[in-house]
N, C-alpha and C. Protein backbone atom coordinates (compact mmCIF):
# COMPACT_ATOMS: atom_id res chain seq x y z
N UNK A 1 102.85 96.33 95.49
CA UNK A 1 103.04 96.01 96.97
C UNK A 1 101.68 96.34 97.68
N UNK A 2 101.46 95.48 98.64
CA UNK A 2 100.21 95.62 99.45
C UNK A 2 100.32 96.86 100.29
N UNK A 3 99.15 97.49 100.53
CA UNK A 3 99.04 98.54 101.37
C UNK A 3 99.43 98.28 102.84
N UNK A 4 100.07 99.33 103.55
CA UNK A 4 100.38 98.99 104.87
C UNK A 4 99.53 99.83 105.71
N UNK A 5 99.03 99.25 106.96
CA UNK A 5 98.08 99.99 107.77
C UNK A 5 98.89 101.11 108.57
N UNK A 6 98.23 102.17 108.72
CA UNK A 6 98.97 103.37 109.39
C UNK A 6 98.49 104.62 108.79
N UNK A 7 99.20 105.61 109.35
CA UNK A 7 98.99 107.07 108.84
C UNK A 7 99.95 107.41 107.67
N UNK A 8 99.40 107.72 106.63
CA UNK A 8 100.19 108.14 105.55
C UNK A 8 100.83 109.49 105.76
N UNK A 9 102.06 109.70 105.26
CA UNK A 9 102.64 110.92 105.66
C UNK A 9 103.16 111.48 104.22
N UNK A 10 103.11 112.92 104.14
CA UNK A 10 103.72 113.46 102.87
C UNK A 10 104.58 114.72 103.16
N UNK A 11 105.25 115.21 102.24
CA UNK A 11 106.11 116.28 102.33
C UNK A 11 105.74 117.39 101.27
N UNK A 12 105.38 118.42 101.41
CA UNK A 12 105.06 118.97 102.70
C UNK A 12 103.79 118.41 103.20
N UNK A 13 103.73 118.49 104.50
CA UNK A 13 102.52 117.69 105.15
C UNK A 13 101.26 118.66 105.04
N UNK A 14 99.99 118.03 105.08
CA UNK A 14 98.87 118.94 105.02
C UNK A 14 98.51 119.17 106.56
N UNK A 15 97.64 120.06 106.94
CA UNK A 15 97.47 120.41 108.35
C UNK A 15 97.11 119.11 109.14
N UNK A 16 97.65 118.83 110.16
CA UNK A 16 97.46 117.61 110.97
C UNK A 16 98.15 116.29 110.44
N UNK A 17 98.87 116.46 109.42
CA UNK A 17 99.54 115.18 109.06
C UNK A 17 101.05 115.18 109.29
N UNK A 18 101.43 114.06 109.77
CA UNK A 18 102.93 113.88 110.00
C UNK A 18 103.87 114.16 108.99
N UNK A 19 105.00 114.75 109.06
CA UNK A 19 105.83 114.92 108.14
C UNK A 19 106.98 113.66 108.15
N UNK A 20 107.35 113.00 107.23
CA UNK A 20 108.23 112.11 107.49
C UNK A 20 109.73 112.51 107.85
N UNK A 21 110.30 111.96 108.77
CA UNK A 21 111.64 112.42 109.32
C UNK A 21 112.73 112.11 108.51
N UNK A 22 112.49 111.67 107.11
CA UNK A 22 113.73 111.29 106.27
C UNK A 22 113.42 112.08 104.91
N UNK A 23 114.45 112.82 104.55
CA UNK A 23 114.34 113.43 103.21
C UNK A 23 114.87 112.53 102.01
N UNK A 24 115.75 111.65 102.48
CA UNK A 24 116.31 110.72 101.51
C UNK A 24 116.82 109.63 102.28
N UNK A 25 117.31 108.45 101.53
CA UNK A 25 117.95 107.36 102.28
C UNK A 25 119.37 107.37 101.99
N UNK A 26 119.98 107.74 103.14
CA UNK A 26 121.52 107.67 103.02
C UNK A 26 122.01 106.84 104.19
N UNK A 27 122.42 105.61 103.89
CA UNK A 27 122.81 104.62 105.05
C UNK A 27 124.24 105.25 105.68
N UNK A 28 124.21 105.13 106.91
CA UNK A 28 125.26 105.61 107.80
C UNK A 28 126.16 104.28 108.01
N UNK A 29 125.64 103.23 108.31
CA UNK A 29 126.50 102.10 108.57
C UNK A 29 125.49 100.95 108.04
N UNK A 30 126.34 100.09 107.14
CA UNK A 30 125.69 99.07 106.56
C UNK A 30 126.01 97.77 107.32
N UNK A 31 124.96 97.21 107.78
CA UNK A 31 125.10 96.04 108.68
C UNK A 31 125.00 94.52 107.83
N UNK A 32 124.12 94.62 106.74
CA UNK A 32 123.98 93.54 105.87
C UNK A 32 123.81 94.07 104.41
N UNK A 33 124.52 93.53 103.57
CA UNK A 33 124.33 94.05 102.12
C UNK A 33 124.36 92.65 101.24
N UNK A 34 123.29 92.89 100.35
CA UNK A 34 123.05 91.81 99.30
C UNK A 34 122.43 92.63 98.09
N UNK A 35 123.06 92.67 97.05
CA UNK A 35 122.41 93.46 95.91
C UNK A 35 122.01 94.89 96.49
N UNK A 36 122.87 95.46 97.34
CA UNK A 36 122.53 96.75 97.94
C UNK A 36 122.38 96.55 99.29
N UNK A 37 122.30 97.70 100.08
CA UNK A 37 122.09 97.61 101.53
C UNK A 37 120.64 97.14 101.87
N UNK A 38 120.79 96.09 102.88
CA UNK A 38 119.54 95.41 103.15
C UNK A 38 119.05 95.77 104.68
N UNK A 39 120.05 95.93 105.58
CA UNK A 39 120.02 96.34 107.02
C UNK A 39 120.93 97.34 107.12
N UNK A 40 120.57 98.59 107.68
CA UNK A 40 121.50 99.58 107.92
C UNK A 40 121.01 100.70 108.83
N UNK A 41 121.86 101.58 109.23
CA UNK A 41 121.39 102.62 110.14
C UNK A 41 121.42 103.96 109.26
N UNK A 42 120.70 104.82 109.54
CA UNK A 42 120.60 106.01 108.91
C UNK A 42 120.09 107.33 110.01
N UNK A 43 120.39 108.42 109.62
CA UNK A 43 119.85 109.48 110.49
C UNK A 43 118.62 110.26 109.92
N UNK A 44 117.74 110.58 110.99
CA UNK A 44 116.51 111.25 110.49
C UNK A 44 116.85 112.84 110.30
N UNK A 45 116.00 113.59 109.98
CA UNK A 45 116.28 115.12 109.83
C UNK A 45 116.70 115.74 111.09
N UNK A 46 116.49 115.03 112.16
CA UNK A 46 116.85 115.80 113.53
C UNK A 46 118.23 115.13 113.97
N UNK A 47 118.72 114.26 113.19
CA UNK A 47 120.01 113.63 113.65
C UNK A 47 119.81 112.26 114.37
N UNK A 48 118.61 111.98 114.76
CA UNK A 48 118.52 110.75 115.44
C UNK A 48 118.77 109.59 114.70
N UNK A 49 119.33 108.36 115.58
CA UNK A 49 119.58 107.23 114.83
C UNK A 49 118.55 106.35 114.58
N UNK A 50 118.52 105.71 113.49
CA UNK A 50 117.40 104.80 113.10
C UNK A 50 117.77 103.51 112.42
N UNK A 51 117.22 102.39 112.62
CA UNK A 51 117.50 101.12 111.95
C UNK A 51 116.56 100.86 110.89
N UNK A 52 117.21 100.66 109.70
CA UNK A 52 116.38 100.25 108.48
C UNK A 52 116.50 98.79 108.03
N UNK A 53 115.37 98.19 107.80
CA UNK A 53 115.38 96.80 107.33
C UNK A 53 114.60 96.72 106.09
N UNK A 54 115.25 96.21 105.06
CA UNK A 54 114.61 95.84 103.70
C UNK A 54 113.41 94.96 103.85
N UNK A 55 112.31 95.07 103.29
CA UNK A 55 111.13 94.11 103.63
C UNK A 55 110.88 93.42 102.32
N UNK A 56 110.63 94.10 101.13
CA UNK A 56 110.18 93.55 99.86
C UNK A 56 110.49 94.54 98.81
N UNK A 57 110.63 94.12 97.59
CA UNK A 57 110.65 95.06 96.45
C UNK A 57 109.98 94.65 95.28
N UNK A 58 109.75 95.55 94.45
CA UNK A 58 109.13 95.25 93.00
C UNK A 58 109.93 95.94 91.85
N UNK A 59 109.37 96.01 90.78
CA UNK A 59 110.24 96.52 89.60
C UNK A 59 110.46 98.26 89.87
N UNK A 60 109.68 98.71 90.73
CA UNK A 60 109.68 100.12 90.83
C UNK A 60 110.34 100.62 92.12
N UNK A 61 110.12 99.90 93.19
CA UNK A 61 110.81 100.36 94.48
C UNK A 61 110.95 99.25 95.49
N UNK A 62 111.68 99.69 96.63
CA UNK A 62 111.94 98.79 97.72
C UNK A 62 111.21 99.33 98.83
N UNK A 63 110.71 98.37 99.84
CA UNK A 63 109.96 98.85 100.85
C UNK A 63 110.88 98.66 102.19
N UNK A 64 111.14 99.65 102.99
CA UNK A 64 111.80 99.63 104.17
C UNK A 64 110.99 99.73 105.30
N UNK A 65 111.56 98.92 106.48
CA UNK A 65 110.78 99.23 107.72
C UNK A 65 111.92 100.09 108.54
N UNK A 66 111.53 100.97 109.18
CA UNK A 66 112.57 102.06 109.86
C UNK A 66 112.06 102.34 111.21
N UNK A 67 112.93 102.07 112.14
CA UNK A 67 112.52 102.45 113.61
C UNK A 67 113.65 103.27 114.20
N UNK A 68 113.28 104.03 115.15
CA UNK A 68 114.25 104.82 115.86
C UNK A 68 115.11 103.83 116.74
N UNK A 69 116.23 103.94 117.02
CA UNK A 69 117.00 103.02 117.73
C UNK A 69 118.11 103.75 118.43
N UNK A 70 119.01 102.92 119.02
CA UNK A 70 120.18 103.51 120.03
C UNK A 70 121.35 102.75 119.57
N UNK A 71 122.54 103.29 119.81
CA UNK A 71 123.69 102.58 119.66
C UNK A 71 123.95 101.29 120.43
N UNK A 72 123.27 101.22 121.54
CA UNK A 72 123.38 100.00 122.10
C UNK A 72 122.59 98.90 121.65
N UNK A 73 121.51 99.12 121.03
CA UNK A 73 120.66 98.21 120.28
C UNK A 73 121.39 97.65 119.04
N UNK A 74 122.11 98.74 118.37
CA UNK A 74 122.82 98.31 117.18
C UNK A 74 124.06 97.44 117.62
N UNK A 75 124.72 97.73 118.64
CA UNK A 75 125.68 96.83 119.18
C UNK A 75 125.26 95.52 119.69
N UNK A 76 124.03 95.38 120.32
CA UNK A 76 123.50 94.18 120.79
C UNK A 76 123.20 93.25 119.62
N UNK A 77 122.66 94.09 118.55
CA UNK A 77 122.17 93.24 117.23
C UNK A 77 123.47 92.75 116.65
N UNK A 78 124.64 93.54 116.55
CA UNK A 78 125.97 93.08 116.08
C UNK A 78 126.54 91.91 116.75
N UNK A 79 126.45 91.85 118.04
CA UNK A 79 126.96 90.71 118.87
C UNK A 79 126.07 89.52 119.02
N UNK A 80 124.89 89.63 118.54
CA UNK A 80 123.96 88.56 118.63
C UNK A 80 123.16 88.50 119.82
N UNK A 81 123.26 89.51 120.71
CA UNK A 81 122.41 89.56 122.01
C UNK A 81 120.96 89.85 121.63
N UNK A 82 120.73 90.44 120.39
CA UNK A 82 119.40 90.64 120.03
C UNK A 82 119.23 90.09 118.59
N UNK A 83 118.08 89.57 118.25
CA UNK A 83 117.69 89.18 116.93
C UNK A 83 117.41 90.40 116.10
N UNK A 84 117.26 90.36 115.02
CA UNK A 84 116.76 91.56 113.96
C UNK A 84 115.41 91.96 114.42
N UNK A 85 114.63 90.89 114.60
CA UNK A 85 113.12 91.38 114.98
C UNK A 85 113.19 91.99 116.24
N UNK A 86 114.03 91.51 117.37
CA UNK A 86 114.00 92.31 118.65
C UNK A 86 114.57 93.59 118.51
N UNK A 87 115.62 93.75 117.80
CA UNK A 87 116.14 95.12 117.49
C UNK A 87 115.10 96.05 116.88
N UNK A 88 114.20 95.64 115.98
CA UNK A 88 113.16 96.51 115.33
C UNK A 88 112.11 96.68 116.44
N UNK A 89 111.67 95.85 117.17
CA UNK A 89 110.61 96.03 118.26
C UNK A 89 111.02 96.74 119.54
N UNK A 90 112.31 96.75 119.92
CA UNK A 90 112.73 97.43 120.97
C UNK A 90 112.59 98.89 120.76
N UNK A 91 113.04 99.38 119.53
CA UNK A 91 112.74 100.73 119.13
C UNK A 91 113.53 101.72 120.22
N UNK A 92 113.16 102.89 120.02
CA UNK A 92 113.62 104.02 121.02
C UNK A 92 112.42 104.22 122.05
N UNK A 93 112.73 104.09 123.32
CA UNK A 93 111.42 104.23 124.37
C UNK A 93 110.67 105.44 124.14
N UNK A 94 111.36 106.45 123.61
CA UNK A 94 110.69 107.88 123.36
C UNK A 94 109.71 107.85 122.43
N UNK A 95 109.68 106.89 121.48
CA UNK A 95 108.79 106.67 120.44
C UNK A 95 107.77 105.50 120.63
N UNK A 96 108.16 104.56 121.30
CA UNK A 96 107.26 103.49 121.45
C UNK A 96 107.40 102.46 120.27
N UNK A 97 106.71 101.33 120.27
CA UNK A 97 106.92 100.31 119.35
C UNK A 97 106.16 100.74 118.05
N UNK A 98 106.69 101.72 117.31
CA UNK A 98 106.01 102.24 116.04
C UNK A 98 107.24 102.14 115.01
N UNK A 99 106.75 102.27 113.86
CA UNK A 99 107.70 102.34 112.71
C UNK A 99 107.30 102.96 111.65
N UNK A 100 108.26 103.35 110.64
CA UNK A 100 108.00 104.06 109.57
C UNK A 100 108.09 103.03 108.29
N UNK A 101 107.04 102.90 107.48
CA UNK A 101 107.36 102.00 106.32
C UNK A 101 107.50 102.92 105.18
N UNK A 102 108.69 102.78 104.57
CA UNK A 102 108.98 103.72 103.36
C UNK A 102 109.11 102.89 102.03
N UNK A 103 108.50 103.47 100.96
CA UNK A 103 108.68 102.92 99.72
C UNK A 103 109.74 103.76 98.93
N UNK A 104 110.76 103.13 98.55
CA UNK A 104 111.89 103.96 98.03
C UNK A 104 112.20 103.51 96.54
N UNK A 105 112.30 104.45 95.79
CA UNK A 105 112.56 104.03 94.33
C UNK A 105 114.18 103.50 94.33
N UNK A 106 114.55 102.86 93.30
CA UNK A 106 115.79 102.21 93.28
C UNK A 106 116.92 103.29 93.07
N UNK A 107 116.42 104.45 92.91
CA UNK A 107 117.45 105.78 92.96
C UNK A 107 117.52 106.42 94.25
N UNK A 108 116.85 105.76 95.25
CA UNK A 108 116.80 106.28 96.59
C UNK A 108 115.76 107.54 96.91
N UNK A 109 114.81 107.69 96.08
CA UNK A 109 113.84 108.72 96.47
C UNK A 109 112.62 108.00 97.08
N UNK A 110 112.12 108.63 98.35
CA UNK A 110 111.02 108.26 98.90
C UNK A 110 109.81 108.65 98.20
N UNK A 111 108.99 107.56 97.88
CA UNK A 111 107.79 107.85 97.15
C UNK A 111 106.51 107.62 98.00
N UNK A 112 106.68 106.90 99.21
CA UNK A 112 105.49 106.74 100.09
C UNK A 112 106.12 106.55 101.50
N UNK A 113 105.30 107.12 102.43
CA UNK A 113 105.65 106.92 103.87
C UNK A 113 104.48 106.62 104.57
N UNK A 114 104.55 105.69 105.63
CA UNK A 114 103.44 105.29 106.38
C UNK A 114 103.95 105.17 107.85
N UNK A 115 103.30 105.81 108.77
CA UNK A 115 103.69 105.64 110.20
C UNK A 115 102.63 104.83 110.98
N UNK A 116 102.95 103.80 111.66
CA UNK A 116 102.04 102.90 112.33
C UNK A 116 102.76 102.02 113.38
N UNK A 117 101.98 101.28 114.18
CA UNK A 117 102.52 100.38 115.10
C UNK A 117 103.06 99.27 114.43
N UNK A 118 104.30 98.80 114.83
CA UNK A 118 105.14 97.66 114.45
C UNK A 118 104.19 96.61 114.33
N UNK A 119 103.42 96.37 115.41
CA UNK A 119 102.55 95.15 115.53
C UNK A 119 101.51 94.92 114.40
N UNK A 120 101.31 95.96 113.73
CA UNK A 120 100.30 95.95 112.60
C UNK A 120 100.90 95.54 111.30
N UNK A 121 102.15 95.35 111.24
CA UNK A 121 102.74 95.01 110.10
C UNK A 121 102.54 93.43 109.74
N UNK A 122 102.33 92.88 108.44
CA UNK A 122 101.96 91.65 108.23
C UNK A 122 103.35 90.94 108.46
N UNK A 123 102.98 89.74 109.19
CA UNK A 123 104.12 88.80 109.60
C UNK A 123 105.12 88.45 108.58
N UNK A 124 104.61 88.47 107.22
CA UNK A 124 105.63 88.11 106.13
C UNK A 124 106.26 89.30 105.60
N UNK A 125 106.10 90.48 106.22
CA UNK A 125 106.87 91.66 105.91
C UNK A 125 107.99 92.01 106.89
N UNK A 126 108.13 91.28 107.78
CA UNK A 126 109.06 91.47 108.91
C UNK A 126 109.98 90.14 109.08
N UNK A 127 111.12 90.35 109.55
CA UNK A 127 112.06 89.31 109.96
C UNK A 127 111.47 88.29 110.84
N UNK A 128 111.77 86.90 110.72
CA UNK A 128 111.30 85.91 111.66
C UNK A 128 111.87 86.26 113.18
N UNK A 129 111.21 85.90 114.11
CA UNK A 129 111.62 86.35 115.46
C UNK A 129 113.04 86.14 115.81
N UNK A 130 113.50 84.86 115.35
CA UNK A 130 114.95 84.48 115.81
C UNK A 130 115.96 84.82 114.86
N UNK A 131 115.59 85.69 113.77
CA UNK A 131 116.71 85.90 112.66
C UNK A 131 117.83 86.74 113.22
N UNK A 132 119.24 86.14 113.33
CA UNK A 132 120.27 86.91 113.86
C UNK A 132 120.85 87.76 112.63
N UNK A 133 121.53 88.78 112.96
CA UNK A 133 122.45 89.46 112.15
C UNK A 133 123.81 88.78 112.23
N UNK A 134 124.24 88.07 111.18
CA UNK A 134 125.41 87.20 111.18
C UNK A 134 126.63 88.15 110.92
N UNK A 135 127.53 88.10 111.86
CA UNK A 135 128.63 89.00 111.87
C UNK A 135 129.36 88.90 110.42
N UNK A 136 129.53 87.50 109.91
CA UNK A 136 130.27 87.51 108.76
C UNK A 136 129.84 88.20 107.58
N UNK A 137 128.52 88.56 107.58
CA UNK A 137 127.89 89.30 106.52
C UNK A 137 128.05 90.74 106.77
N UNK A 138 128.67 91.19 107.86
CA UNK A 138 128.86 92.74 108.01
C UNK A 138 130.22 93.10 107.68
N UNK A 139 131.15 92.26 107.63
CA UNK A 139 132.58 92.75 107.40
C UNK A 139 133.07 91.95 105.96
N UNK A 140 133.05 92.89 104.87
CA UNK A 140 133.34 92.46 103.60
C UNK A 140 134.88 92.00 103.55
N UNK A 141 135.61 92.48 104.41
CA UNK A 141 137.01 92.19 104.45
C UNK A 141 137.24 90.62 104.55
N UNK A 142 136.23 90.10 105.46
CA UNK A 142 136.50 88.62 105.72
C UNK A 142 135.99 87.79 104.49
N UNK A 143 135.26 88.32 103.46
CA UNK A 143 134.70 87.54 102.46
C UNK A 143 135.18 88.07 101.05
N UNK A 144 136.18 88.92 101.01
CA UNK A 144 136.59 89.47 99.86
C UNK A 144 135.49 90.17 99.11
N UNK A 145 134.42 90.77 99.72
CA UNK A 145 133.34 91.46 99.18
C UNK A 145 132.20 90.42 98.78
N UNK A 146 132.29 89.33 98.97
CA UNK A 146 131.23 88.41 98.70
C UNK A 146 130.46 87.97 99.94
N UNK A 147 129.15 87.72 99.79
CA UNK A 147 128.28 87.33 100.70
C UNK A 147 128.46 85.78 100.75
N UNK A 148 128.83 85.30 101.94
CA UNK A 148 129.00 83.64 101.96
C UNK A 148 127.58 83.04 101.64
N UNK A 149 127.74 81.98 101.02
CA UNK A 149 126.50 81.26 100.54
C UNK A 149 126.20 80.09 101.59
C-alpha cells in the first residue's frame, strides 16, 4: 500500500510522538458490511465515538480512515442528510478535519497508524463526495443477511 502523508504514531510512543487512540479494532455499530465491516463506529481509548471507513486492502492488511464523530453525524449519515464523505470531513469540532489512517491485519491488529489532515489523503483513498450510506445495506433483516446487488 502507498504511504500516507502525516505523522506516524506508535505504541508505546517515543517522546514527542502521538499515541494512537485505538488499542484494537472493535466495531460498536456496523453501518455497512461486505466481506466484513466496511463502515462502522468504534470507541477510542477515552470512550470517544469514531467513524471508520474501509479504504483499501492487500493480502496482509486493510487500511481504515478513522475520524472522531458524534451521534448526530452518524444519524445524519444514516438518514441520508450527509454523504459518507461529508460525515468523514465534518469530524468532531474539537479535533478539526484530521483523521487517523490505520493499517489493520485481517486478525484485527493495528500494525501502522498515521495522523494527518483529511485533505492530504489521496482522492482515490476516500469515498466520492456524493456517496450515500444506503439504508438497505444497514439492516440485514431486510435482506436475509445478503447485501443487495
